[in-house]
PDB file of N, CA and C in Angstrom:
ATOM      1  N   UNK A   1     -93.478  67.480  19.188  1.00  0.00           N
ATOM      2  CA  UNK A   1     -93.967  67.092  17.884  1.00  0.00           C
ATOM      3  C   UNK A   1     -92.922  67.404  16.801  1.00  0.00           C
ATOM      4  N   UNK A   2     -92.399  68.626  16.841  1.00  0.00           N
ATOM      5  CA  UNK A   2     -91.381  69.028  15.872  1.00  0.00           C
ATOM      6  C   UNK A   2     -90.140  68.151  15.987  1.00  0.00           C
ATOM      7  N   UNK A   3     -89.811  67.793  17.211  1.00  0.00           N
ATOM      8  CA  UNK A   3     -88.655  66.926  17.457  1.00  0.00           C
ATOM      9  C   UNK A   3     -88.885  65.547  16.827  1.00  0.00           C
ATOM     10  N   UNK A   4     -90.093  65.006  16.911  1.00  0.00           N
ATOM     11  CA  UNK A   4     -90.422  63.697  16.330  1.00  0.00           C
ATOM     12  C   UNK A   4     -90.332  63.741  14.809  1.00  0.00           C
ATOM     13  N   UNK A   5     -90.793  64.829  14.200  1.00  0.00           N
ATOM     14  CA  UNK A   5     -90.707  64.976  12.735  1.00  0.00           C
ATOM     15  C   UNK A   5     -89.247  65.048  12.311  1.00  0.00           C
ATOM     16  N   UNK A   6     -88.444  65.825  13.036  1.00  0.00           N
ATOM     17  CA  UNK A   6     -87.019  65.951  12.708  1.00  0.00           C
ATOM     18  C   UNK A   6     -86.316  64.599  12.833  1.00  0.00           C
ATOM     19  N   UNK A   7     -86.639  63.842  13.885  1.00  0.00           N
ATOM     20  CA  UNK A   7     -86.025  62.521  14.068  1.00  0.00           C
ATOM     21  C   UNK A   7     -86.437  61.577  12.952  1.00  0.00           C
ATOM     22  N   UNK A   8     -87.699  61.611  12.567  1.00  0.00           N
ATOM     23  CA  UNK A   8     -88.183  60.772  11.466  1.00  0.00           C
ATOM     24  C   UNK A   8     -87.511  61.127  10.151  1.00  0.00           C
ATOM     25  N   UNK A   9     -87.356  62.408   9.883  1.00  0.00           N
ATOM     26  CA  UNK A   9     -86.690  62.864   8.656  1.00  0.00           C
ATOM     27  C   UNK A   9     -85.236  62.410   8.643  1.00  0.00           C
ATOM     28  N   UNK A  10     -84.557  62.562   9.762  1.00  0.00           N
ATOM     29  CA  UNK A  10     -83.158  62.130   9.861  1.00  0.00           C
ATOM     30  C   UNK A  10     -83.030  60.627   9.633  1.00  0.00           C
ATOM     31  N   UNK A  11     -83.935  59.849  10.230  1.00  0.00           N
ATOM     32  CA  UNK A  11     -83.902  58.396  10.034  1.00  0.00           C
ATOM     33  C   UNK A  11     -84.117  58.043   8.570  1.00  0.00           C
ATOM     34  N   UNK A  12     -85.023  58.717   7.895  1.00  0.00           N
ATOM     35  CA  UNK A  12     -85.280  58.461   6.471  1.00  0.00           C
ATOM     36  C   UNK A  12     -84.046  58.771   5.630  1.00  0.00           C
ATOM     37  N   UNK A  13     -83.412  59.901   5.901  1.00  0.00           N
ATOM     38  CA  UNK A  13     -82.217  60.297   5.143  1.00  0.00           C
ATOM     39  C   UNK A  13     -81.102  59.274   5.365  1.00  0.00           C
ATOM     40  N   UNK A  14     -80.928  58.826   6.595  1.00  0.00           N
ATOM     41  CA  UNK A  14     -79.876  57.845   6.871  1.00  0.00           C
ATOM     42  C   UNK A  14     -80.171  56.531   6.156  1.00  0.00           C
ATOM     43  N   UNK A  15     -81.419  56.082   6.153  1.00  0.00           N
ATOM     44  CA  UNK A  15     -81.796  54.848   5.476  1.00  0.00           C
ATOM     45  C   UNK A  15     -81.605  54.989   3.979  1.00  0.00           C
ATOM     46  N   UNK A  16     -82.066  56.085   3.404  1.00  0.00           N
ATOM     47  CA  UNK A  16     -81.949  56.297   1.959  1.00  0.00           C
ATOM     48  C   UNK A  16     -80.488  56.371   1.544  1.00  0.00           C
ATOM     49  N   UNK A  17     -79.646  56.922   2.392  1.00  0.00           N
ATOM     50  CA  UNK A  17     -78.233  57.047   2.062  1.00  0.00           C
ATOM     51  C   UNK A  17     -77.509  55.712   2.031  1.00  0.00           C
ATOM     52  N   UNK A  18     -78.025  54.718   2.763  1.00  0.00           N
ATOM     53  CA  UNK A  18     -77.365  53.420   2.790  1.00  0.00           C
ATOM     54  C   UNK A  18     -77.980  52.434   1.799  1.00  0.00           C
ATOM     55  N   UNK A  19     -79.079  52.815   1.169  1.00  0.00           N
ATOM     56  CA  UNK A  19     -79.711  51.917   0.199  1.00  0.00           C
ATOM     57  C   UNK A  19     -78.777  51.700  -0.983  1.00  0.00           C
ATOM     58  N   UNK A  20     -78.700  50.466  -1.450  1.00  0.00           N
ATOM     59  CA  UNK A  20     -77.832  50.129  -2.576  1.00  0.00           C
ATOM     60  C   UNK A  20     -78.683  49.817  -3.788  1.00  0.00           C
ATOM     61  N   UNK A  21     -78.109  50.054  -4.920  1.00  0.00           N
ATOM     62  CA  UNK A  21     -78.782  49.673  -6.159  1.00  0.00           C
ATOM     63  C   UNK A  21     -78.790  48.150  -6.264  1.00  0.00           C
ATOM     64  N   UNK A  22     -79.803  47.626  -6.890  1.00  0.00           N
ATOM     65  CA  UNK A  22     -79.891  46.190  -7.113  1.00  0.00           C
ATOM     66  C   UNK A  22     -78.841  45.761  -8.136  1.00  0.00           C
ATOM     67  N   UNK A  23     -78.337  44.538  -8.018  1.00  0.00           N
ATOM     68  CA  UNK A  23     -77.408  44.032  -9.037  1.00  0.00           C
ATOM     69  C   UNK A  23     -78.084  44.026 -10.415  1.00  0.00           C
ATOM     70  N   UNK A  24     -77.290  44.239 -11.440  1.00  0.00           N
ATOM     71  CA  UNK A  24     -77.782  44.225 -12.817  1.00  0.00           C
ATOM     72  C   UNK A  24     -77.243  42.968 -13.495  1.00  0.00           C
ATOM     73  N   UNK A  25     -78.135  42.248 -14.173  1.00  0.00           N
ATOM     74  CA  UNK A  25     -77.752  41.001 -14.839  1.00  0.00           C
ATOM     75  C   UNK A  25     -77.838  41.201 -16.353  1.00  0.00           C
ATOM     76  N   UNK A  26     -76.781  40.775 -17.037  1.00  0.00           N
ATOM     77  CA  UNK A  26     -76.697  40.837 -18.498  1.00  0.00           C
ATOM     78  C   UNK A  26     -76.558  39.417 -19.033  1.00  0.00           C
ATOM     79  N   UNK A  27     -76.941  39.227 -20.284  1.00  0.00           N
ATOM     80  CA  UNK A  27     -76.829  37.900 -20.878  1.00  0.00           C
ATOM     81  C   UNK A  27     -76.468  37.987 -22.353  1.00  0.00           C
ATOM     82  N   UNK A  28     -75.857  36.929 -22.845  1.00  0.00           N
ATOM     83  CA  UNK A  28     -75.565  36.758 -24.268  1.00  0.00           C
ATOM     84  C   UNK A  28     -75.616  35.267 -24.571  1.00  0.00           C
ATOM     85  N   UNK A  29     -76.220  34.926 -25.683  1.00  0.00           N
ATOM     86  CA  UNK A  29     -76.208  33.546 -26.180  1.00  0.00           C
ATOM     87  C   UNK A  29     -75.874  33.603 -27.661  1.00  0.00           C
ATOM     88  N   UNK A  30     -74.933  32.770 -28.068  1.00  0.00           N
ATOM     89  CA  UNK A  30     -74.559  32.744 -29.471  1.00  0.00           C
ATOM     90  C   UNK A  30     -73.591  31.616 -29.762  1.00  0.00           C
ATOM     91  N   UNK A  31     -73.065  31.632 -30.970  1.00  0.00           N
ATOM     92  CA  UNK A  31     -72.163  30.579 -31.434  1.00  0.00           C
ATOM     93  C   UNK A  31     -70.738  31.104 -31.530  1.00  0.00           C
ATOM     94  N   UNK A  32     -69.798  30.177 -31.496  1.00  0.00           N
ATOM     95  CA  UNK A  32     -68.393  30.525 -31.495  1.00  0.00           C
ATOM     96  C   UNK A  32     -67.822  30.799 -32.866  1.00  0.00           C
ATOM     97  N   UNK A  33     -66.626  31.352 -32.854  1.00  0.00           N
ATOM     98  CA  UNK A  33     -65.829  31.570 -34.060  1.00  0.00           C
ATOM     99  C   UNK A  33     -64.527  30.801 -33.886  1.00  0.00           C
ATOM    100  N   UNK A  34     -64.009  30.296 -34.972  1.00  0.00           N
ATOM    101  CA  UNK A  34     -62.785  29.494 -34.921  1.00  0.00           C
ATOM    102  C   UNK A  34     -61.560  30.329 -34.574  1.00  0.00           C
ATOM    103  N   UNK A  35     -60.631  29.690 -33.911  1.00  0.00           N
ATOM    104  CA  UNK A  35     -59.282  30.209 -33.706  1.00  0.00           C
ATOM    105  C   UNK A  35     -58.354  29.256 -34.443  1.00  0.00           C
ATOM    106  N   UNK A  36     -57.102  29.618 -34.546  1.00  0.00           N
ATOM    107  CA  UNK A  36     -56.142  28.759 -35.239  1.00  0.00           C
ATOM    108  C   UNK A  36     -56.171  27.351 -34.654  1.00  0.00           C
ATOM    109  N   UNK A  37     -56.304  26.363 -35.506  1.00  0.00           N
ATOM    110  CA  UNK A  37     -56.313  24.971 -35.082  1.00  0.00           C
ATOM    111  C   UNK A  37     -57.692  24.416 -34.747  1.00  0.00           C
ATOM    112  N   UNK A  38     -58.720  25.228 -34.880  1.00  0.00           N
ATOM    113  CA  UNK A  38     -60.071  24.724 -34.595  1.00  0.00           C
ATOM    114  C   UNK A  38     -60.946  24.863 -35.840  1.00  0.00           C
ATOM    115  N   UNK A  39     -61.965  24.021 -35.911  1.00  0.00           N
ATOM    116  CA  UNK A  39     -62.874  24.085 -37.063  1.00  0.00           C
ATOM    117  C   UNK A  39     -64.330  23.890 -36.675  1.00  0.00           C
ATOM    118  N   UNK A  40     -64.592  23.515 -35.427  1.00  0.00           N
ATOM    119  CA  UNK A  40     -65.962  23.204 -35.011  1.00  0.00           C
ATOM    120  C   UNK A  40     -66.635  24.319 -34.222  1.00  0.00           C
ATOM    121  N   UNK A  41     -65.933  25.399 -33.941  1.00  0.00           N
ATOM    122  CA  UNK A  41     -66.461  26.461 -33.072  1.00  0.00           C
ATOM    123  C   UNK A  41     -67.808  27.028 -33.521  1.00  0.00           C
ATOM    124  N   UNK A  42     -68.055  27.207 -34.813  1.00  0.00           N
ATOM    125  CA  UNK A  42     -69.367  27.745 -35.205  1.00  0.00           C
ATOM    126  C   UNK A  42     -70.544  26.842 -34.833  1.00  0.00           C
ATOM    127  N   UNK A  43     -70.278  25.603 -34.446  1.00  0.00           N
ATOM    128  CA  UNK A  43     -71.359  24.711 -34.017  1.00  0.00           C
ATOM    129  C   UNK A  43     -71.516  24.694 -32.496  1.00  0.00           C
ATOM    130  N   UNK A  44     -70.649  25.403 -31.759  1.00  0.00           N
ATOM    131  CA  UNK A  44     -70.696  25.429 -30.302  1.00  0.00           C
ATOM    132  C   UNK A  44     -71.548  26.611 -29.835  1.00  0.00           C
ATOM    133  N   UNK A  45     -72.621  26.303 -29.108  1.00  0.00           N
ATOM    134  CA  UNK A  45     -73.508  27.337 -28.588  1.00  0.00           C
ATOM    135  C   UNK A  45     -73.129  27.643 -27.139  1.00  0.00           C
ATOM    136  N   UNK A  46     -72.974  28.935 -26.836  1.00  0.00           N
ATOM    137  CA  UNK A  46     -72.551  29.374 -25.508  1.00  0.00           C
ATOM    138  C   UNK A  46     -73.569  30.363 -24.956  1.00  0.00           C
ATOM    139  N   UNK A  47     -73.826  30.270 -23.642  1.00  0.00           N
ATOM    140  CA  UNK A  47     -74.623  31.263 -22.932  1.00  0.00           C
ATOM    141  C   UNK A  47     -73.744  31.861 -21.843  1.00  0.00           C
ATOM    142  N   UNK A  48     -73.719  33.192 -21.802  1.00  0.00           N
ATOM    143  CA  UNK A  48     -72.922  33.910 -20.808  1.00  0.00           C
ATOM    144  C   UNK A  48     -73.859  34.821 -20.024  1.00  0.00           C
ATOM    145  N   UNK A  49     -73.797  34.742 -18.692  1.00  0.00           N
ATOM    146  CA  UNK A  49     -74.551  35.627 -17.814  1.00  0.00           C
ATOM    147  C   UNK A  49     -73.562  36.386 -16.943  1.00  0.00           C
ATOM    148  N   UNK A  50     -73.741  37.694 -16.860  1.00  0.00           N
ATOM    149  CA  UNK A  50     -72.849  38.557 -16.099  1.00  0.00           C
ATOM    150  C   UNK A  50     -73.689  39.363 -15.116  1.00  0.00           C
ATOM    151  N   UNK A  51     -73.316  39.314 -13.835  1.00  0.00           N
ATOM    152  CA  UNK A  51     -74.002  40.084 -12.808  1.00  0.00           C
ATOM    153  C   UNK A  51     -73.059  41.155 -12.289  1.00  0.00           C
ATOM    154  N   UNK A  52     -73.535  42.399 -12.314  1.00  0.00           N
ATOM    155  CA  UNK A  52     -72.749  43.532 -11.831  1.00  0.00           C
ATOM    156  C   UNK A  52     -73.419  44.055 -10.569  1.00  0.00           C
ATOM    157  N   UNK A  53     -72.651  44.067  -9.482  1.00  0.00           N
ATOM    158  CA  UNK A  53     -73.138  44.561  -8.192  1.00  0.00           C
ATOM    159  C   UNK A  53     -72.148  45.607  -7.709  1.00  0.00           C
ATOM    160  N   UNK A  54     -72.449  46.857  -7.980  1.00  0.00           N
ATOM    161  CA  UNK A  54     -71.495  47.929  -7.673  1.00  0.00           C
ATOM    162  C   UNK A  54     -70.306  47.798  -8.603  1.00  0.00           C
ATOM    163  N   UNK A  55     -69.130  47.590  -8.045  1.00  0.00           N
ATOM    164  CA  UNK A  55     -67.909  47.401  -8.838  1.00  0.00           C
ATOM    165  C   UNK A  55     -67.593  45.923  -9.060  1.00  0.00           C
ATOM    166  N   UNK A  56     -68.314  45.043  -8.392  1.00  0.00           N
ATOM    167  CA  UNK A  56     -68.053  43.604  -8.472  1.00  0.00           C
ATOM    168  C   UNK A  56     -68.771  42.979  -9.655  1.00  0.00           C
ATOM    169  N   UNK A  57     -68.058  42.121 -10.367  1.00  0.00           N
ATOM    170  CA  UNK A  57     -68.600  41.445 -11.543  1.00  0.00           C
ATOM    171  C   UNK A  57     -68.430  39.946 -11.349  1.00  0.00           C
ATOM    172  N   UNK A  58     -69.531  39.205 -11.501  1.00  0.00           N
ATOM    173  CA  UNK A  58     -69.491  37.745 -11.449  1.00  0.00           C
ATOM    174  C   UNK A  58     -70.126  37.226 -12.725  1.00  0.00           C
ATOM    175  N   UNK A  59     -69.472  36.268 -13.334  1.00  0.00           N
ATOM    176  CA  UNK A  59     -69.975  35.714 -14.575  1.00  0.00           C
ATOM    177  C   UNK A  59     -70.065  34.209 -14.537  1.00  0.00           C
ATOM    178  N   UNK A  60     -71.004  33.707 -15.317  1.00  0.00           N
ATOM    179  CA  UNK A  60     -71.197  32.268 -15.485  1.00  0.00           C
ATOM    180  C   UNK A  60     -71.359  32.036 -16.973  1.00  0.00           C
ATOM    181  N   UNK A  61     -70.617  31.071 -17.510  1.00  0.00           N
ATOM    182  CA  UNK A  61     -70.807  30.722 -18.918  1.00  0.00           C
ATOM    183  C   UNK A  61     -70.899  29.220 -19.054  1.00  0.00           C
ATOM    184  N   UNK A  62     -71.676  28.818 -20.042  1.00  0.00           N
ATOM    185  CA  UNK A  62     -71.863  27.387 -20.254  1.00  0.00           C
ATOM    186  C   UNK A  62     -72.059  27.107 -21.728  1.00  0.00           C
ATOM    187  N   UNK A  63     -71.158  26.310 -22.249  1.00  0.00           N
ATOM    188  CA  UNK A  63     -71.318  25.811 -23.613  1.00  0.00           C
ATOM    189  C   UNK A  63     -72.322  24.678 -23.542  1.00  0.00           C
ATOM    190  N   UNK A  64     -73.201  24.606 -24.503  1.00  0.00           N
ATOM    191  CA  UNK A  64     -74.219  23.561 -24.536  1.00  0.00           C
ATOM    192  C   UNK A  64     -73.573  22.187 -24.353  1.00  0.00           C
ATOM    193  N   UNK A  65     -74.112  21.382 -23.459  1.00  0.00           N
ATOM    194  CA  UNK A  65     -73.650  20.018 -23.140  1.00  0.00           C
ATOM    195  C   UNK A  65     -72.305  19.983 -22.429  1.00  0.00           C
ATOM    196  N   UNK A  66     -71.880  21.096 -21.865  1.00  0.00           N
ATOM    197  CA  UNK A  66     -70.615  21.144 -21.117  1.00  0.00           C
ATOM    198  C   UNK A  66     -70.869  21.689 -19.713  1.00  0.00           C
ATOM    199  N   UNK A  67     -69.921  21.516 -18.799  1.00  0.00           N
ATOM    200  CA  UNK A  67     -70.108  22.050 -17.436  1.00  0.00           C
ATOM    201  C   UNK A  67     -70.124  23.582 -17.413  1.00  0.00           C
ATOM    202  N   UNK A  68     -70.786  24.100 -16.419  1.00  0.00           N
ATOM    203  CA  UNK A  68     -70.836  25.542 -16.193  1.00  0.00           C
ATOM    204  C   UNK A  68     -69.485  26.016 -15.664  1.00  0.00           C
ATOM    205  N   UNK A  69     -69.041  27.169 -16.109  1.00  0.00           N
ATOM    206  CA  UNK A  69     -67.772  27.771 -15.651  1.00  0.00           C
ATOM    207  C   UNK A  69     -68.055  29.155 -15.090  1.00  0.00           C
ATOM    208  N   UNK A  70     -67.177  29.643 -14.211  1.00  0.00           N
ATOM    209  CA  UNK A  70     -67.403  30.938 -13.558  1.00  0.00           C
ATOM    210  C   UNK A  70     -66.167  31.815 -13.641  1.00  0.00           C
ATOM    211  N   UNK A  71     -66.409  33.125 -13.492  1.00  0.00           N
ATOM    212  CA  UNK A  71     -65.317  34.079 -13.368  1.00  0.00           C
ATOM    213  C   UNK A  71     -65.771  35.226 -12.475  1.00  0.00           C
ATOM    214  N   UNK A  72     -64.801  35.904 -11.882  1.00  0.00           N
ATOM    215  CA  UNK A  72     -65.055  37.077 -11.045  1.00  0.00           C
ATOM    216  C   UNK A  72     -63.994  38.112 -11.329  1.00  0.00           C
ATOM    217  N   UNK A  73     -64.405  39.376 -11.289  1.00  0.00           N
ATOM    218  CA  UNK A  73     -63.483  40.483 -11.473  1.00  0.00           C
ATOM    219  C   UNK A  73     -64.140  41.746 -10.937  1.00  0.00           C
ATOM    220  N   UNK A  74     -63.498  42.869 -11.136  1.00  0.00           N
ATOM    221  CA  UNK A  74     -64.089  44.160 -10.780  1.00  0.00           C
ATOM    222  C   UNK A  74     -64.080  45.050 -12.012  1.00  0.00           C
ATOM    223  N   UNK A  75     -64.981  46.025 -12.004  1.00  0.00           N
ATOM    224  CA  UNK A  75     -65.036  46.963 -13.119  1.00  0.00           C
ATOM    225  C   UNK A  75     -63.794  47.837 -13.118  1.00  0.00           C
ATOM    226  N   UNK A  76     -63.208  48.000 -14.288  1.00  0.00           N
ATOM    227  CA  UNK A  76     -62.066  48.877 -14.441  1.00  0.00           C
ATOM    228  C   UNK A  76     -62.496  50.218 -15.015  1.00  0.00           C
ATOM    229  N   UNK A  77     -61.538  50.930 -15.531  1.00  0.00           N
ATOM    230  CA  UNK A  77     -61.790  52.238 -16.127  1.00  0.00           C
ATOM    231  C   UNK A  77     -62.808  52.115 -17.264  1.00  0.00           C
ATOM    232  N   UNK A  78     -63.766  53.002 -17.297  1.00  0.00           N
ATOM    233  CA  UNK A  78     -64.824  53.031 -18.315  1.00  0.00           C
ATOM    234  C   UNK A  78     -65.619  51.730 -18.390  1.00  0.00           C
ATOM    235  N   UNK A  79     -65.724  51.010 -17.264  1.00  0.00           N
ATOM    236  CA  UNK A  79     -66.525  49.789 -17.222  1.00  0.00           C
ATOM    237  C   UNK A  79     -65.845  48.566 -17.806  1.00  0.00           C
ATOM    238  N   UNK A  80     -64.541  48.635 -17.994  1.00  0.00           N
ATOM    239  CA  UNK A  80     -63.806  47.509 -18.588  1.00  0.00           C
ATOM    240  C   UNK A  80     -63.753  46.323 -17.624  1.00  0.00           C
ATOM    241  N   UNK A  81     -63.842  45.126 -18.208  1.00  0.00           N
ATOM    242  CA  UNK A  81     -63.624  43.906 -17.430  1.00  0.00           C
ATOM    243  C   UNK A  81     -62.573  43.061 -18.142  1.00  0.00           C
ATOM    244  N   UNK A  82     -61.724  42.426 -17.334  1.00  0.00           N
ATOM    245  CA  UNK A  82     -60.686  41.564 -17.896  1.00  0.00           C
ATOM    246  C   UNK A  82     -60.237  40.603 -16.808  1.00  0.00           C
ATOM    247  N   UNK A  83     -60.317  39.309 -17.131  1.00  0.00           N
ATOM    248  CA  UNK A  83     -59.878  38.279 -16.198  1.00  0.00           C
ATOM    249  C   UNK A  83     -59.661  36.993 -16.984  1.00  0.00           C
ATOM    250  N   UNK A  84     -59.391  35.919 -16.285  1.00  0.00           N
ATOM    251  CA  UNK A  84     -59.182  34.608 -16.893  1.00  0.00           C
ATOM    252  C   UNK A  84     -60.103  33.615 -16.190  1.00  0.00           C
ATOM    253  N   UNK A  85     -60.705  32.725 -16.959  1.00  0.00           N
ATOM    254  CA  UNK A  85     -61.565  31.677 -16.404  1.00  0.00           C
ATOM    255  C   UNK A  85     -60.983  30.320 -16.779  1.00  0.00           C
ATOM    256  N   UNK A  86     -61.014  29.406 -15.830  1.00  0.00           N
ATOM    257  CA  UNK A  86     -60.516  28.054 -16.065  1.00  0.00           C
ATOM    258  C   UNK A  86     -61.573  27.218 -16.786  1.00  0.00           C
ATOM    259  N   UNK A  87     -61.121  26.396 -17.719  1.00  0.00           N
ATOM    260  CA  UNK A  87     -61.992  25.439 -18.408  1.00  0.00           C
ATOM    261  C   UNK A  87     -61.367  24.052 -18.249  1.00  0.00           C
ATOM    262  N   UNK A  88     -61.974  23.052 -18.841  1.00  0.00           N
ATOM    263  CA  UNK A  88     -61.504  21.684 -18.633  1.00  0.00           C
ATOM    264  C   UNK A  88     -60.094  21.467 -19.170  1.00  0.00           C
ATOM    265  N   UNK A  89     -59.442  20.482 -18.620  1.00  0.00           N
ATOM    266  CA  UNK A  89     -58.107  20.105 -19.069  1.00  0.00           C
ATOM    267  C   UNK A  89     -57.044  21.129 -18.729  1.00  0.00           C
ATOM    268  N   UNK A  90     -57.316  22.020 -17.779  1.00  0.00           N
ATOM    269  CA  UNK A  90     -56.347  23.037 -17.393  1.00  0.00           C
ATOM    270  C   UNK A  90     -56.277  24.207 -18.343  1.00  0.00           C
ATOM    271  N   UNK A  91     -57.181  24.259 -19.312  1.00  0.00           N
ATOM    272  CA  UNK A  91     -57.205  25.378 -20.248  1.00  0.00           C
ATOM    273  C   UNK A  91     -57.818  26.615 -19.627  1.00  0.00           C
ATOM    274  N   UNK A  92     -57.647  27.729 -20.322  1.00  0.00           N
ATOM    275  CA  UNK A  92     -58.204  28.998 -19.851  1.00  0.00           C
ATOM    276  C   UNK A  92     -58.918  29.726 -20.980  1.00  0.00           C
ATOM    277  N   UNK A  93     -59.834  30.588 -20.576  1.00  0.00           N
ATOM    278  CA  UNK A  93     -60.512  31.502 -21.487  1.00  0.00           C
ATOM    279  C   UNK A  93     -60.226  32.906 -20.982  1.00  0.00           C
ATOM    280  N   UNK A  94     -59.722  33.761 -21.849  1.00  0.00           N
ATOM    281  CA  UNK A  94     -59.597  35.170 -21.491  1.00  0.00           C
ATOM    282  C   UNK A  94     -60.989  35.776 -21.551  1.00  0.00           C
ATOM    283  N   UNK A  95     -61.357  36.492 -20.507  1.00  0.00           N
ATOM    284  CA  UNK A  95     -62.652  37.160 -20.445  1.00  0.00           C
ATOM    285  C   UNK A  95     -62.385  38.652 -20.565  1.00  0.00           C
ATOM    286  N   UNK A  96     -62.902  39.237 -21.625  1.00  0.00           N
ATOM    287  CA  UNK A  96     -62.667  40.648 -21.920  1.00  0.00           C
ATOM    288  C   UNK A  96     -64.018  41.278 -22.224  1.00  0.00           C
ATOM    289  N   UNK A  97     -64.238  42.467 -21.745  1.00  0.00           N
ATOM    290  CA  UNK A  97     -65.509  43.099 -22.056  1.00  0.00           C
ATOM    291  C   UNK A  97     -65.620  44.494 -21.514  1.00  0.00           C
ATOM    292  N   UNK A  98     -66.857  44.965 -21.554  1.00  0.00           N
ATOM    293  CA  UNK A  98     -67.163  46.312 -21.112  1.00  0.00           C
ATOM    294  C   UNK A  98     -68.608  46.341 -20.631  1.00  0.00           C
ATOM    295  N   UNK A  99     -68.815  46.938 -19.489  1.00  0.00           N
ATOM    296  CA  UNK A  99     -70.158  47.127 -18.958  1.00  0.00           C
ATOM    297  C   UNK A  99     -70.387  48.635 -18.942  1.00  0.00           C
ATOM    298  N   UNK A 100     -71.187  49.078 -19.880  1.00  0.00           N
ATOM    299  CA  UNK A 100     -71.425  50.511 -20.049  1.00  0.00           C
ATOM    300  C   UNK A 100     -72.844  50.700 -20.557  1.00  0.00           C
ATOM    301  N   UNK A 101     -73.557  51.655 -20.008  1.00  0.00           N
ATOM    302  CA  UNK A 101     -74.934  51.907 -20.422  1.00  0.00           C
ATOM    303  C   UNK A 101     -75.028  52.012 -21.942  1.00  0.00           C
ATOM    304  N   UNK A 102     -75.801  51.117 -22.541  1.00  0.00           N
ATOM    305  CA  UNK A 102     -76.015  51.134 -23.986  1.00  0.00           C
ATOM    306  C   UNK A 102     -74.917  50.494 -24.814  1.00  0.00           C
ATOM    307  N   UNK A 103     -73.820  50.067 -24.187  1.00  0.00           N
ATOM    308  CA  UNK A 103     -72.710  49.482 -24.950  1.00  0.00           C
ATOM    309  C   UNK A 103     -71.972  48.442 -24.117  1.00  0.00           C
ATOM    310  N   UNK A 104     -72.701  47.420 -23.672  1.00  0.00           N
ATOM    311  CA  UNK A 104     -72.078  46.357 -22.893  1.00  0.00           C
ATOM    312  C   UNK A 104     -71.781  45.181 -23.811  1.00  0.00           C
ATOM    313  N   UNK A 105     -70.570  44.639 -23.681  1.00  0.00           N
ATOM    314  CA  UNK A 105     -70.165  43.534 -24.552  1.00  0.00           C
ATOM    315  C   UNK A 105     -69.242  42.593 -23.804  1.00  0.00           C
ATOM    316  N   UNK A 106     -69.118  41.387 -24.349  1.00  0.00           N
ATOM    317  CA  UNK A 106     -68.304  40.340 -23.715  1.00  0.00           C
ATOM    318  C   UNK A 106     -67.582  39.540 -24.786  1.00  0.00           C
ATOM    319  N   UNK A 107     -66.408  39.050 -24.430  1.00  0.00           N
ATOM    320  CA  UNK A 107     -65.645  38.182 -25.335  1.00  0.00           C
ATOM    321  C   UNK A 107     -64.924  37.139 -24.494  1.00  0.00           C
ATOM    322  N   UNK A 108     -65.134  35.864 -24.837  1.00  0.00           N
ATOM    323  CA  UNK A 108     -64.364  34.769 -24.271  1.00  0.00           C
ATOM    324  C   UNK A 108     -63.421  34.306 -25.367  1.00  0.00           C
ATOM    325  N   UNK A 109     -62.147  34.294 -25.086  1.00  0.00           N
ATOM    326  CA  UNK A 109     -61.140  33.955 -26.088  1.00  0.00           C
ATOM    327  C   UNK A 109     -60.271  32.831 -25.546  1.00  0.00           C
ATOM    328  N   UNK A 110     -60.309  31.694 -26.221  1.00  0.00           N
ATOM    329  CA  UNK A 110     -59.523  30.536 -25.798  1.00  0.00           C
ATOM    330  C   UNK A 110     -59.562  29.486 -26.874  1.00  0.00           C
ATOM    331  N   UNK A 111     -60.180  28.336 -26.571  1.00  0.00           N
ATOM    332  CA  UNK A 111     -60.265  27.261 -27.568  1.00  0.00           C
ATOM    333  C   UNK A 111     -61.151  27.655 -28.740  1.00  0.00           C
ATOM    334  N   UNK A 112     -62.024  28.645 -28.542  1.00  0.00           N
ATOM    335  CA  UNK A 112     -62.855  29.292 -29.568  1.00  0.00           C
ATOM    336  C   UNK A 112     -63.031  30.733 -29.119  1.00  0.00           C
ATOM    337  N   UNK A 113     -63.624  31.546 -29.948  1.00  0.00           N
ATOM    338  CA  UNK A 113     -63.975  32.906 -29.558  1.00  0.00           C
ATOM    339  C   UNK A 113     -65.498  32.998 -29.521  1.00  0.00           C
ATOM    340  N   UNK A 114     -65.989  33.479 -28.382  1.00  0.00           N
ATOM    341  CA  UNK A 114     -67.416  33.731 -28.208  1.00  0.00           C
ATOM    342  C   UNK A 114     -67.547  35.201 -27.843  1.00  0.00           C
ATOM    343  N   UNK A 115     -68.238  35.966 -28.666  1.00  0.00           N
ATOM    344  CA  UNK A 115     -68.354  37.375 -28.316  1.00  0.00           C
ATOM    345  C   UNK A 115     -69.636  37.981 -28.877  1.00  0.00           C
ATOM    346  N   UNK A 116     -70.099  39.000 -28.159  1.00  0.00           N
ATOM    347  CA  UNK A 116     -71.287  39.692 -28.597  1.00  0.00           C
ATOM    348  C   UNK A 116     -71.705  40.756 -27.617  1.00  0.00           C
ATOM    349  N   UNK A 117     -72.784  41.421 -27.953  1.00  0.00           N
ATOM    350  CA  UNK A 117     -73.348  42.464 -27.091  1.00  0.00           C
ATOM    351  C   UNK A 117     -74.138  41.812 -25.970  1.00  0.00           C
ATOM    352  N   UNK A 118     -73.946  42.305 -24.770  1.00  0.00           N
ATOM    353  CA  UNK A 118     -74.705  41.831 -23.635  1.00  0.00           C
ATOM    354  C   UNK A 118     -76.040  42.559 -23.567  1.00  0.00           C
ATOM    355  N   UNK A 119     -77.109  41.807 -23.342  1.00  0.00           N
ATOM    356  CA  UNK A 119     -78.436  42.379 -23.184  1.00  0.00           C
ATOM    357  C   UNK A 119     -78.801  42.355 -21.711  1.00  0.00           C
ATOM    358  N   UNK A 120     -79.420  43.402 -21.250  1.00  0.00           N
ATOM    359  CA  UNK A 120     -79.853  43.458 -19.857  1.00  0.00           C
ATOM    360  C   UNK A 120     -81.061  42.545 -19.671  1.00  0.00           C
ATOM    361  N   UNK A 121     -80.999  41.713 -18.623  1.00  0.00           N
ATOM    362  CA  UNK A 121     -82.107  40.784 -18.332  1.00  0.00           C
ATOM    363  C   UNK A 121     -83.242  41.506 -17.672  1.00  0.00           C
TER     364      UNK A 121
END
């Protein structure tokens, strides 16, 4: 009997030790800011969704009436994220941000600037 309890306890500890936290999803929706040479950015609405699974970060962003775009990276020091995402016509958007409890933010910088605080979904 004691042996069965010990085996059950060991199995529970092993299972609990391998359990992973669920991915966390963040979102931001807002309007752009102009960069040099642009004037229409404040009329462009963008939605950005960021999923964090351990150290892995996957993002999807979509400007209203435009195709969905994606990016992937890993969390850096202090939750920093930085990568590049391809957009139409061979252009790129720099993806810069931070995933930190109570202070998560994102910035897409390219043909316009889209930035704001990420809210947990």
